[in-house]
PDB file of N, CA and C in Angstrom:
ATOM      1  N   MET A   1      54.791  79.360  78.616  1.00  0.00           N
ATOM      2  CA  MET A   1      55.069  80.722  79.048  1.00  0.00           C
ATOM      3  C   MET A   1      54.582  80.872  80.493  1.00  0.00           C
ATOM      4  N   SER A   2      55.355  81.557  81.306  1.00  0.00           N
ATOM      5  CA  SER A   2      54.952  81.766  82.695  1.00  0.00           C
ATOM      6  C   SER A   2      53.774  82.742  82.767  1.00  0.00           C
ATOM      7  N   ILE A   3      53.075  82.691  83.867  1.00  0.00           N
ATOM      8  CA  ILE A   3      51.954  83.620  84.063  1.00  0.00           C
ATOM      9  C   ILE A   3      52.472  85.051  84.066  1.00  0.00           C
ATOM     10  N   GLN A   4      53.613  85.278  84.699  1.00  0.00           N
ATOM     11  CA  GLN A   4      54.190  86.622  84.722  1.00  0.00           C
ATOM     12  C   GLN A   4      54.463  87.120  83.301  1.00  0.00           C
ATOM     13  N   ALA A   5      55.039  86.284  82.464  1.00  0.00           N
ATOM     14  CA  ALA A   5      55.327  86.672  81.078  1.00  0.00           C
ATOM     15  C   ALA A   5      54.042  86.934  80.305  1.00  0.00           C
ATOM     16  N   THR A   6      53.012  86.144  80.579  1.00  0.00           N
ATOM     17  CA  THR A   6      51.724  86.356  79.918  1.00  0.00           C
ATOM     18  C   THR A   6      51.135  87.701  80.314  1.00  0.00           C
ATOM     19  N   ILE A   7      51.212  88.030  81.589  1.00  0.00           N
ATOM     20  CA  ILE A   7      50.712  89.328  82.064  1.00  0.00           C
ATOM     21  C   ILE A   7      51.483  90.456  81.380  1.00  0.00           C
ATOM     22  N   GLU A   8      52.797  90.338  81.352  1.00  0.00           N
ATOM     23  CA  GLU A   8      53.622  91.376  80.714  1.00  0.00           C
ATOM     24  C   GLU A   8      53.242  91.541  79.241  1.00  0.00           C
ATOM     25  N   GLU A   9      53.040  90.433  78.566  1.00  0.00           N
ATOM     26  CA  GLU A   9      52.688  90.482  77.138  1.00  0.00           C
ATOM     27  C   GLU A   9      51.328  91.137  76.922  1.00  0.00           C
ATOM     28  N   LYS A  10      50.342  90.740  77.700  1.00  0.00           N
ATOM     29  CA  LYS A  10      48.990  91.282  77.523  1.00  0.00           C
ATOM     30  C   LYS A  10      48.920  92.773  77.849  1.00  0.00           C
ATOM     31  N   LEU A  11      49.705  93.221  78.814  1.00  0.00           N
ATOM     32  CA  LEU A  11      49.660  94.637  79.191  1.00  0.00           C
ATOM     33  C   LEU A  11      50.327  95.546  78.164  1.00  0.00           C
ATOM     34  N   GLN A  12      51.025  94.959  77.202  1.00  0.00           N
ATOM     35  CA  GLN A  12      51.591  95.756  76.114  1.00  0.00           C
ATOM     36  C   GLN A  12      50.487  96.449  75.315  1.00  0.00           C
ATOM     37  N   ALA A  13      49.271  95.959  75.401  1.00  0.00           N
ATOM     38  CA  ALA A  13      48.134  96.578  74.708  1.00  0.00           C
ATOM     39  C   ALA A  13      47.888  98.004  75.182  1.00  0.00           C
ATOM     40  N   LEU A  14      48.371  98.341  76.375  1.00  0.00           N
ATOM     41  CA  LEU A  14      48.207  99.705  76.906  1.00  0.00           C
ATOM     42  C   LEU A  14      49.390 100.603  76.548  1.00  0.00           C
ATOM     43  N   ALA A  15      50.287 100.124  75.713  1.00  0.00           N
ATOM     44  CA  ALA A  15      51.452 100.887  75.259  1.00  0.00           C
ATOM     45  C   ALA A  15      52.196 101.543  76.419  1.00  0.00           C
ATOM     46  N   PRO A  16      52.650 100.743  77.377  1.00  0.00           N
ATOM     47  CA  PRO A  16      53.323 101.334  78.537  1.00  0.00           C
ATOM     48  C   PRO A  16      54.670 101.956  78.179  1.00  0.00           C
ATOM     49  N   VAL A  17      54.958 103.079  78.846  1.00  0.00           N
ATOM     50  CA  VAL A  17      56.299 103.656  78.755  1.00  0.00           C
ATOM     51  C   VAL A  17      57.155 103.087  79.875  1.00  0.00           C
ATOM     52  N   PHE A  18      56.511 102.507  80.886  1.00  0.00           N
ATOM     53  CA  PHE A  18      57.185 101.767  81.947  1.00  0.00           C
ATOM     54  C   PHE A  18      56.242 100.670  82.398  1.00  0.00           C
ATOM     55  N   LEU A  19      56.777  99.469  82.582  1.00  0.00           N
ATOM     56  CA  LEU A  19      55.984  98.348  83.062  1.00  0.00           C
ATOM     57  C   LEU A  19      56.859  97.465  83.942  1.00  0.00           C
ATOM     58  N   ALA A  20      56.386  97.192  85.148  1.00  0.00           N
ATOM     59  CA  ALA A  20      57.039  96.235  86.041  1.00  0.00           C
ATOM     60  C   ALA A  20      55.962  95.300  86.569  1.00  0.00           C
ATOM     61  N   VAL A  21      56.154  94.012  86.333  1.00  0.00           N
ATOM     62  CA  VAL A  21      55.259  92.992  86.865  1.00  0.00           C
ATOM     63  C   VAL A  21      56.091  92.163  87.832  1.00  0.00           C
ATOM     64  N   GLU A  22      55.710  92.209  89.103  1.00  0.00           N
ATOM     65  CA  GLU A  22      56.473  91.535  90.142  1.00  0.00           C
ATOM     66  C   GLU A  22      55.656  90.377  90.719  1.00  0.00           C
ATOM     67  N   ASN A  23      56.256  89.210  90.746  1.00  0.00           N
ATOM     68  CA  ASN A  23      55.629  88.047  91.361  1.00  0.00           C
ATOM     69  C   ASN A  23      55.900  88.121  92.863  1.00  0.00           C
ATOM     70  N   GLU A  24      54.863  88.382  93.631  1.00  0.00           N
ATOM     71  CA  GLU A  24      54.992  88.485  95.084  1.00  0.00           C
ATOM     72  C   GLU A  24      54.445  87.247  95.801  1.00  0.00           C
ATOM     73  N   SER A  25      54.278  86.171  95.075  1.00  0.00           N
ATOM     74  CA  SER A  25      53.712  84.955  95.651  1.00  0.00           C
ATOM     75  C   SER A  25      54.539  84.436  96.816  1.00  0.00           C
ATOM     76  N   HIS A  26      55.850  84.590  96.730  1.00  0.00           N
ATOM     77  CA  HIS A  26      56.733  84.094  97.794  1.00  0.00           C
ATOM     78  C   HIS A  26      56.465  84.758  99.139  1.00  0.00           C
ATOM     79  N   ARG A  27      55.764  85.880  99.133  1.00  0.00           N
ATOM     80  CA  ARG A  27      55.450  86.609 100.372  1.00  0.00           C
ATOM     81  C   ARG A  27      54.153  86.115 101.005  1.00  0.00           C
ATOM     82  N   HIS A  28      53.562  85.082 100.431  1.00  0.00           N
ATOM     83  CA  HIS A  28      52.268  84.587 100.881  1.00  0.00           C
ATOM     84  C   HIS A  28      52.340  83.092 101.185  1.00  0.00           C
ATOM     85  N   ASN A  29      51.303  82.602 101.787  1.00  0.00           N
ATOM     86  CA  ASN A  29      51.245  81.196 102.198  1.00  0.00           C
ATOM     87  C   ASN A  29      50.800  80.329 101.019  1.00  0.00           C
ATOM     88  N   VAL A  30      51.709  80.167 100.079  1.00  0.00           N
ATOM     89  CA  VAL A  30      51.447  79.359  98.885  1.00  0.00           C
ATOM     90  C   VAL A  30      52.657  78.457  98.646  1.00  0.00           C
ATOM     91  N   PRO A  31      52.498  77.403  97.851  1.00  0.00           N
ATOM     92  CA  PRO A  31      53.639  76.529  97.561  1.00  0.00           C
ATOM     93  C   PRO A  31      54.778  77.290  96.868  1.00  0.00           C
ATOM     94  N   ALA A  32      55.975  76.786  97.038  1.00  0.00           N
ATOM     95  CA  ALA A  32      57.149  77.386  96.391  1.00  0.00           C
ATOM     96  C   ALA A  32      56.932  77.470  94.881  1.00  0.00           C
ATOM     97  N   ASN A  33      57.482  78.500  94.285  1.00  0.00           N
ATOM     98  CA  ASN A  33      57.422  78.738  92.832  1.00  0.00           C
ATOM     99  C   ASN A  33      56.014  79.000  92.305  1.00  0.00           C
ATOM    100  N   SER A  34      55.114  79.443  93.172  1.00  0.00           N
ATOM    101  CA  SER A  34      53.753  79.774  92.741  1.00  0.00           C
ATOM    102  C   SER A  34      53.746  81.071  91.948  1.00  0.00           C
ATOM    103  N   GLU A  35      52.716  81.227  91.141  1.00  0.00           N
ATOM    104  CA  GLU A  35      52.471  82.471  90.410  1.00  0.00           C
ATOM    105  C   GLU A  35      51.014  82.847  90.650  1.00  0.00           C
ATOM    106  N   THR A  36      50.750  83.324  91.856  1.00  0.00           N
ATOM    107  CA  THR A  36      49.385  83.624  92.271  1.00  0.00           C
ATOM    108  C   THR A  36      49.174  85.066  92.707  1.00  0.00           C
ATOM    109  N   HIS A  37      50.232  85.742  93.129  1.00  0.00           N
ATOM    110  CA  HIS A  37      50.134  87.098  93.661  1.00  0.00           C
ATOM    111  C   HIS A  37      51.102  87.995  92.886  1.00  0.00           C
ATOM    112  N   PHE A  38      50.561  89.050  92.265  1.00  0.00           N
ATOM    113  CA  PHE A  38      51.395  89.934  91.453  1.00  0.00           C
ATOM    114  C   PHE A  38      51.156  91.397  91.788  1.00  0.00           C
ATOM    115  N   LYS A  39      52.202  92.182  91.573  1.00  0.00           N
ATOM    116  CA  LYS A  39      52.096  93.637  91.654  1.00  0.00           C
ATOM    117  C   LYS A  39      52.478  94.185  90.288  1.00  0.00           C
ATOM    118  N   VAL A  40      51.612  95.052  89.757  1.00  0.00           N
ATOM    119  CA  VAL A  40      51.847  95.657  88.447  1.00  0.00           C
ATOM    120  C   VAL A  40      52.004  97.162  88.630  1.00  0.00           C
ATOM    121  N   THR A  41      53.097  97.681  88.112  1.00  0.00           N
ATOM    122  CA  THR A  41      53.287  99.125  88.003  1.00  0.00           C
ATOM    123  C   THR A  41      53.334  99.425  86.520  1.00  0.00           C
ATOM    124  N   LEU A  42      52.391 100.249  86.068  1.00  0.00           N
ATOM    125  CA  LEU A  42      52.272 100.534  84.646  1.00  0.00           C
ATOM    126  C   LEU A  42      52.098 102.037  84.451  1.00  0.00           C
ATOM    127  N   VAL A  43      52.879 102.574  83.526  1.00  0.00           N
ATOM    128  CA  VAL A  43      52.804 103.990  83.178  1.00  0.00           C
ATOM    129  C   VAL A  43      52.463 104.076  81.697  1.00  0.00           C
ATOM    130  N   SER A  44      51.379 104.789  81.398  1.00  0.00           N
ATOM    131  CA  SER A  44      50.954 104.880  79.999  1.00  0.00           C
ATOM    132  C   SER A  44      50.185 106.172  79.750  1.00  0.00           C
ATOM    133  N   GLU A  45      50.417 106.730  78.579  1.00  0.00           N
ATOM    134  CA  GLU A  45      49.649 107.907  78.168  1.00  0.00           C
ATOM    135  C   GLU A  45      48.184 107.556  77.955  1.00  0.00           C
ATOM    136  N   ARG A  46      47.889 106.297  77.708  1.00  0.00           N
ATOM    137  CA  ARG A  46      46.507 105.867  77.489  1.00  0.00           C
ATOM    138  C   ARG A  46      45.648 105.961  78.753  1.00  0.00           C
ATOM    139  N   LEU A  47      46.272 106.229  79.883  1.00  0.00           N
ATOM    140  CA  LEU A  47      45.527 106.373  81.139  1.00  0.00           C
ATOM    141  C   LEU A  47      45.104 107.816  81.402  1.00  0.00           C
ATOM    142  N   GLU A  48      45.567 108.728  80.562  1.00  0.00           N
ATOM    143  CA  GLU A  48      45.215 110.144  80.695  1.00  0.00           C
ATOM    144  C   GLU A  48      43.704 110.320  80.699  1.00  0.00           C
ATOM    145  N   GLY A  49      43.213 111.097  81.650  1.00  0.00           N
ATOM    146  CA  GLY A  49      41.799 111.434  81.702  1.00  0.00           C
ATOM    147  C   GLY A  49      40.902 110.354  82.266  1.00  0.00           C
ATOM    148  N   LEU A  50      41.470 109.231  82.692  1.00  0.00           N
ATOM    149  CA  LEU A  50      40.662 108.148  83.243  1.00  0.00           C
ATOM    150  C   LEU A  50      40.740 108.147  84.772  1.00  0.00           C
ATOM    151  N   MET A  51      39.590 107.971  85.401  1.00  0.00           N
ATOM    152  CA  MET A  51      39.555 107.821  86.848  1.00  0.00           C
ATOM    153  C   MET A  51      40.205 106.480  87.203  1.00  0.00           C
ATOM    154  N   PRO A  52      40.695 106.334  88.435  1.00  0.00           N
ATOM    155  CA  PRO A  52      41.356 105.077  88.816  1.00  0.00           C
ATOM    156  C   PRO A  52      40.527 103.825  88.534  1.00  0.00           C
ATOM    157  N   VAL A  53      39.228 103.853  88.787  1.00  0.00           N
ATOM    158  CA  VAL A  53      38.417 102.655  88.558  1.00  0.00           C
ATOM    159  C   VAL A  53      38.403 102.270  87.079  1.00  0.00           C
ATOM    160  N   LYS A  54      38.375 103.238  86.192  1.00  0.00           N
ATOM    161  CA  LYS A  54      38.398 102.950  84.757  1.00  0.00           C
ATOM    162  C   LYS A  54      39.762 102.386  84.330  1.00  0.00           C
ATOM    163  N   ARG A  55      40.822 102.859  84.946  1.00  0.00           N
ATOM    164  CA  ARG A  55      42.152 102.323  84.665  1.00  0.00           C
ATOM    165  C   ARG A  55      42.210 100.853  85.065  1.00  0.00           C
ATOM    166  N   HIS A  56      41.721 100.567  86.258  1.00  0.00           N
ATOM    167  CA  HIS A  56      41.732  99.186  86.759  1.00  0.00           C
ATOM    168  C   HIS A  56      40.884  98.288  85.869  1.00  0.00           C
ATOM    169  N   GLN A  57      39.732  98.789  85.431  1.00  0.00           N
ATOM    170  CA  GLN A  57      38.854  97.988  84.580  1.00  0.00           C
ATOM    171  C   GLN A  57      39.546  97.608  83.275  1.00  0.00           C
ATOM    172  N   GLN A  58      40.360  98.506  82.738  1.00  0.00           N
ATOM    173  CA  GLN A  58      41.088  98.183  81.507  1.00  0.00           C
ATOM    174  C   GLN A  58      42.050  97.021  81.741  1.00  0.00           C
ATOM    175  N   VAL A  59      42.752  97.055  82.859  1.00  0.00           N
ATOM    176  CA  VAL A  59      43.692  95.974  83.171  1.00  0.00           C
ATOM    177  C   VAL A  59      42.935  94.675  83.442  1.00  0.00           C
ATOM    178  N   TYR A  60      41.851  94.758  84.213  1.00  0.00           N
ATOM    179  CA  TYR A  60      41.064  93.554  84.499  1.00  0.00           C
ATOM    180  C   TYR A  60      40.552  92.911  83.211  1.00  0.00           C
ATOM    181  N   ALA A  61      40.139  93.722  82.249  1.00  0.00           N
ATOM    182  CA  ALA A  61      39.645  93.184  80.978  1.00  0.00           C
ATOM    183  C   ALA A  61      40.759  92.457  80.222  1.00  0.00           C
ATOM    184  N   LEU A  62      41.946  93.024  80.223  1.00  0.00           N
ATOM    185  CA  LEU A  62      43.070  92.398  79.529  1.00  0.00           C
ATOM    186  C   LEU A  62      43.505  91.097  80.196  1.00  0.00           C
ATOM    187  N   LEU A  63      43.360  91.025  81.520  1.00  0.00           N
ATOM    188  CA  LEU A  63      43.842  89.868  82.277  1.00  0.00           C
ATOM    189  C   LEU A  63      42.710  88.987  82.798  1.00  0.00           C
ATOM    190  N   ALA A  64      41.567  89.035  82.127  1.00  0.00           N
ATOM    191  CA  ALA A  64      40.386  88.298  82.598  1.00  0.00           C
ATOM    192  C   ALA A  64      40.661  86.805  82.769  1.00  0.00           C
ATOM    193  N   ASP A  65      41.367  86.200  81.831  1.00  0.00           N
ATOM    194  CA  ASP A  65      41.641  84.758  81.926  1.00  0.00           C
ATOM    195  C   ASP A  65      42.517  84.442  83.135  1.00  0.00           C
ATOM    196  N   GLU A  66      43.524  85.243  83.364  1.00  0.00           N
ATOM    197  CA  GLU A  66      44.428  85.005  84.490  1.00  0.00           C
ATOM    198  C   GLU A  66      43.713  85.223  85.823  1.00  0.00           C
ATOM    199  N   LEU A  67      42.865  86.248  85.882  1.00  0.00           N
ATOM    200  CA  LEU A  67      42.136  86.534  87.120  1.00  0.00           C
ATOM    201  C   LEU A  67      41.050  85.496  87.394  1.00  0.00           C
ATOM    202  N   ALA A  68      40.564  84.843  86.360  1.00  0.00           N
ATOM    203  CA  ALA A  68      39.558  83.791  86.529  1.00  0.00           C
ATOM    204  C   ALA A  68      40.203  82.464  86.900  1.00  0.00           C
ATOM    205  N   GLY A  69      41.507  82.388  86.793  1.00  0.00           N
ATOM    206  CA  GLY A  69      42.194  81.129  87.044  1.00  0.00           C
ATOM    207  C   GLY A  69      43.293  81.241  88.071  1.00  0.00           C
ATOM    208  N   PRO A  70      44.522  81.275  87.607  1.00  0.00           N
ATOM    209  CA  PRO A  70      45.650  81.120  88.531  1.00  0.00           C
ATOM    210  C   PRO A  70      45.980  82.330  89.399  1.00  0.00           C
ATOM    211  N   VAL A  71      45.608  83.533  88.988  1.00  0.00           N
ATOM    212  CA  VAL A  71      45.993  84.730  89.749  1.00  0.00           C
ATOM    213  C   VAL A  71      44.978  84.989  90.853  1.00  0.00           C
ATOM    214  N   HIS A  72      45.464  84.960  92.076  1.00  0.00           N
ATOM    215  CA  HIS A  72      44.620  85.159  93.259  1.00  0.00           C
ATOM    216  C   HIS A  72      44.570  86.633  93.667  1.00  0.00           C
ATOM    217  N   ALA A  73      45.687  87.336  93.493  1.00  0.00           N
ATOM    218  CA  ALA A  73      45.766  88.730  93.929  1.00  0.00           C
ATOM    219  C   ALA A  73      46.571  89.536  92.915  1.00  0.00           C
ATOM    220  N   LEU A  74      46.087  90.762  92.676  1.00  0.00           N
ATOM    221  CA  LEU A  74      46.735  91.646  91.711  1.00  0.00           C
ATOM    222  C   LEU A  74      46.715  93.061  92.263  1.00  0.00           C
ATOM    223  N   ALA A  75      47.875  93.558  92.658  1.00  0.00           N
ATOM    224  CA  ALA A  75      48.001  94.934  93.123  1.00  0.00           C
ATOM    225  C   ALA A  75      48.347  95.802  91.918  1.00  0.00           C
ATOM    226  N   LEU A  76      47.565  96.854  91.705  1.00  0.00           N
ATOM    227  CA  LEU A  76      47.764  97.717  90.542  1.00  0.00           C
ATOM    228  C   LEU A  76      48.194  99.112  90.958  1.00  0.00           C
ATOM    229  N   HIS A  77      49.260  99.576  90.338  1.00  0.00           N
ATOM    230  CA  HIS A  77      49.744 100.949  90.505  1.00  0.00           C
ATOM    231  C   HIS A  77      49.851 101.509  89.096  1.00  0.00           C
ATOM    232  N   LEU A  78      48.833 102.286  88.703  1.00  0.00           N
ATOM    233  CA  LEU A  78      48.679 102.734  87.322  1.00  0.00           C
ATOM    234  C   LEU A  78      48.812 104.251  87.248  1.00  0.00           C
ATOM    235  N   TYR A  79      49.732 104.717  86.423  1.00  0.00           N
ATOM    236  CA  TYR A  79      50.063 106.132  86.356  1.00  0.00           C
ATOM    237  C   TYR A  79      50.096 106.650  84.923  1.00  0.00           C
ATOM    238  N   THR A  80      49.814 107.928  84.777  1.00  0.00           N
ATOM    239  CA  THR A  80      50.145 108.619  83.538  1.00  0.00           C
ATOM    240  C   THR A  80      51.621 109.000  83.654  1.00  0.00           C
ATOM    241  N   PRO A  81      52.273 109.348  82.551  1.00  0.00           N
ATOM    242  CA  PRO A  81      53.676 109.769  82.659  1.00  0.00           C
ATOM    243  C   PRO A  81      53.876 110.945  83.624  1.00  0.00           C
ATOM    244  N   ALA A  82      52.968 111.907  83.622  1.00  0.00           N
ATOM    245  CA  ALA A  82      53.103 113.055  84.527  1.00  0.00           C
ATOM    246  C   ALA A  82      52.957 112.634  85.991  1.00  0.00           C
ATOM    247  N   GLU A  83      52.016 111.740  86.260  1.00  0.00           N
ATOM    248  CA  GLU A  83      51.827 111.244  87.632  1.00  0.00           C
ATOM    249  C   GLU A  83      53.047 110.448  88.095  1.00  0.00           C
ATOM    250  N   TRP A  84      53.594 109.651  87.203  1.00  0.00           N
ATOM    251  CA  TRP A  84      54.769 108.847  87.515  1.00  0.00           C
ATOM    252  C   TRP A  84      55.954 109.753  87.834  1.00  0.00           C
ATOM    253  N   GLN A  85      56.112 110.794  87.041  1.00  0.00           N
ATOM    254  CA  GLN A  85      57.193 111.751  87.282  1.00  0.00           C
ATOM    255  C   GLN A  85      56.993 112.439  88.635  1.00  0.00           C
ATOM    256  N   ALA A  86      55.757 112.854  88.928  1.00  0.00           N
ATOM    257  CA  ALA A  86      55.451 113.533  90.190  1.00  0.00           C
ATOM    258  C   ALA A  86      55.654 112.618  91.401  1.00  0.00           C
ATOM    259  N   SER A  87      55.513 111.313  91.200  1.00  0.00           N
ATOM    260  CA  SER A  87      55.684 110.362  92.303  1.00  0.00           C
ATOM    261  C   SER A  87      57.150 110.082  92.601  1.00  0.00           C
ATOM    262  N   GLY A  88      58.035 110.669  91.798  1.00  0.00           N
ATOM    263  CA  GLY A  88      59.446 110.357  91.943  1.00  0.00           C
ATOM    264  C   GLY A  88      59.777 108.999  91.333  1.00  0.00           C
ATOM    265  N   GLN A  89      58.910 108.545  90.444  1.00  0.00           N
ATOM    266  CA  GLN A  89      59.045 107.264  89.758  1.00  0.00           C
ATOM    267  C   GLN A  89      59.141 106.109  90.755  1.00  0.00           C
ATOM    268  N   SER A  90      58.240 106.158  91.743  1.00  0.00           N
ATOM    269  CA  SER A  90      58.184 105.064  92.719  1.00  0.00           C
ATOM    270  C   SER A  90      56.733 104.764  93.057  1.00  0.00           C
ATOM    271  N   ARG A  91      56.490 103.528  93.445  1.00  0.00           N
ATOM    272  CA  ARG A  91      55.151 103.106  93.837  1.00  0.00           C
ATOM    273  C   ARG A  91      55.230 102.585  95.265  1.00  0.00           C
ATOM    274  N   PRO A  92      54.092 102.476  95.947  1.00  0.00           N
ATOM    275  CA  PRO A  92      54.108 102.012  97.332  1.00  0.00           C
ATOM    276  C   PRO A  92      54.597 100.570  97.442  1.00  0.00           C
ATOM    277  N   ASP A  93      55.208 100.264  98.567  1.00  0.00           N
ATOM    278  CA  ASP A  93      55.583  98.883  98.854  1.00  0.00           C
ATOM    279  C   ASP A  93      54.334  98.091  99.199  1.00  0.00           C
ATOM    280  N   SER A  94      54.375  96.817  98.940  1.00  0.00           N
ATOM    281  CA  SER A  94      53.258  95.940  99.290  1.00  0.00           C
ATOM    282  C   SER A  94      53.330  95.601 100.773  1.00  0.00           C
ATOM    283  N   PRO A  95      52.174  95.485 101.423  1.00  0.00           N
ATOM    284  CA  PRO A  95      52.181  95.075 102.833  1.00  0.00           C
ATOM    285  C   PRO A  95      52.513  93.589 102.941  1.00  0.00           C
ATOM    286  N   ASP A  96      52.935  93.187 104.121  1.00  0.00           N
ATOM    287  CA  ASP A  96      53.193  91.773 104.367  1.00  0.00           C
ATOM    288  C   ASP A  96      51.880  91.014 104.349  1.00  0.00           C
ATOM    289  N   CYS A  97      51.965  89.757 104.006  1.00  0.00           N
ATOM    290  CA  CYS A  97      50.795  88.885 103.990  1.00  0.00           C
ATOM    291  C   CYS A  97      50.228  88.780 105.399  1.00  0.00           C
ATOM    292  N   ARG A  98      48.901  88.869 105.504  1.00  0.00           N
ATOM    293  CA  ARG A  98      48.255  88.773 106.810  1.00  0.00           C
ATOM    294  C   ARG A  98      47.378  87.539 106.911  1.00  0.00           C
ATOM    295  N   GLY A  99      47.375  86.718 105.880  1.00  0.00           N
ATOM    296  CA  GLY A  99      46.509  85.542 105.892  1.00  0.00           C
ATOM    297  C   GLY A  99      47.296  84.259 106.052  1.00  0.00           C
ATOM    298  N   GLY A 100      46.838  83.404 106.911  1.00  0.00           N
ATOM    299  CA  GLY A 100      47.473  82.103 107.108  1.00  0.00           C
ATOM    300  C   GLY A 100      48.851  82.216 107.702  1.00  0.00           C
ATOM    301  N   SER A 101      49.460  81.087 107.934  1.00  0.00           N
ATOM    302  CA  SER A 101      50.813  81.085 108.461  1.00  0.00           C
ATOM    303  C   SER A 101      51.738  80.500 107.410  1.00  0.00           C
ATOM    304  N   LYS A 102      52.942  80.959 107.400  1.00  0.00           N
ATOM    305  CA  LYS A 102      53.910  80.456 106.426  1.00  0.00           C
ATOM    306  C   LYS A 102      54.314  79.042 106.819  1.00  0.00           C
ATOM    307  N   PRO A 103      54.522  78.181 105.818  1.00  0.00           N
ATOM    308  CA  PRO A 103      54.946  76.810 106.126  1.00  0.00           C
ATOM    309  C   PRO A 103      56.346  76.790 106.707  1.00  0.00           C
TER     310      PRO A 103
END
């Protein structure tokens, strides 16, 4: 199973109403077909009443093995359904890589 698929599977524990896991490794100075940099957009009622740091901690706990190993970077955009609706159902774009030079 790919790392992306593993992340998607593990995040099902938060009962998302929307989940997008994007492999952004190609935007960084890593070998082709790497799975090291991801962006997660997750919308769940289970995030209601939680401060952003507590939301992130829940995701970090679920993905502890991946973060201890192959995943170098994880951008998190975590919303309640109301917040997601208020955002126009969009999350910020990721910035371009600023480290190293591309091969």
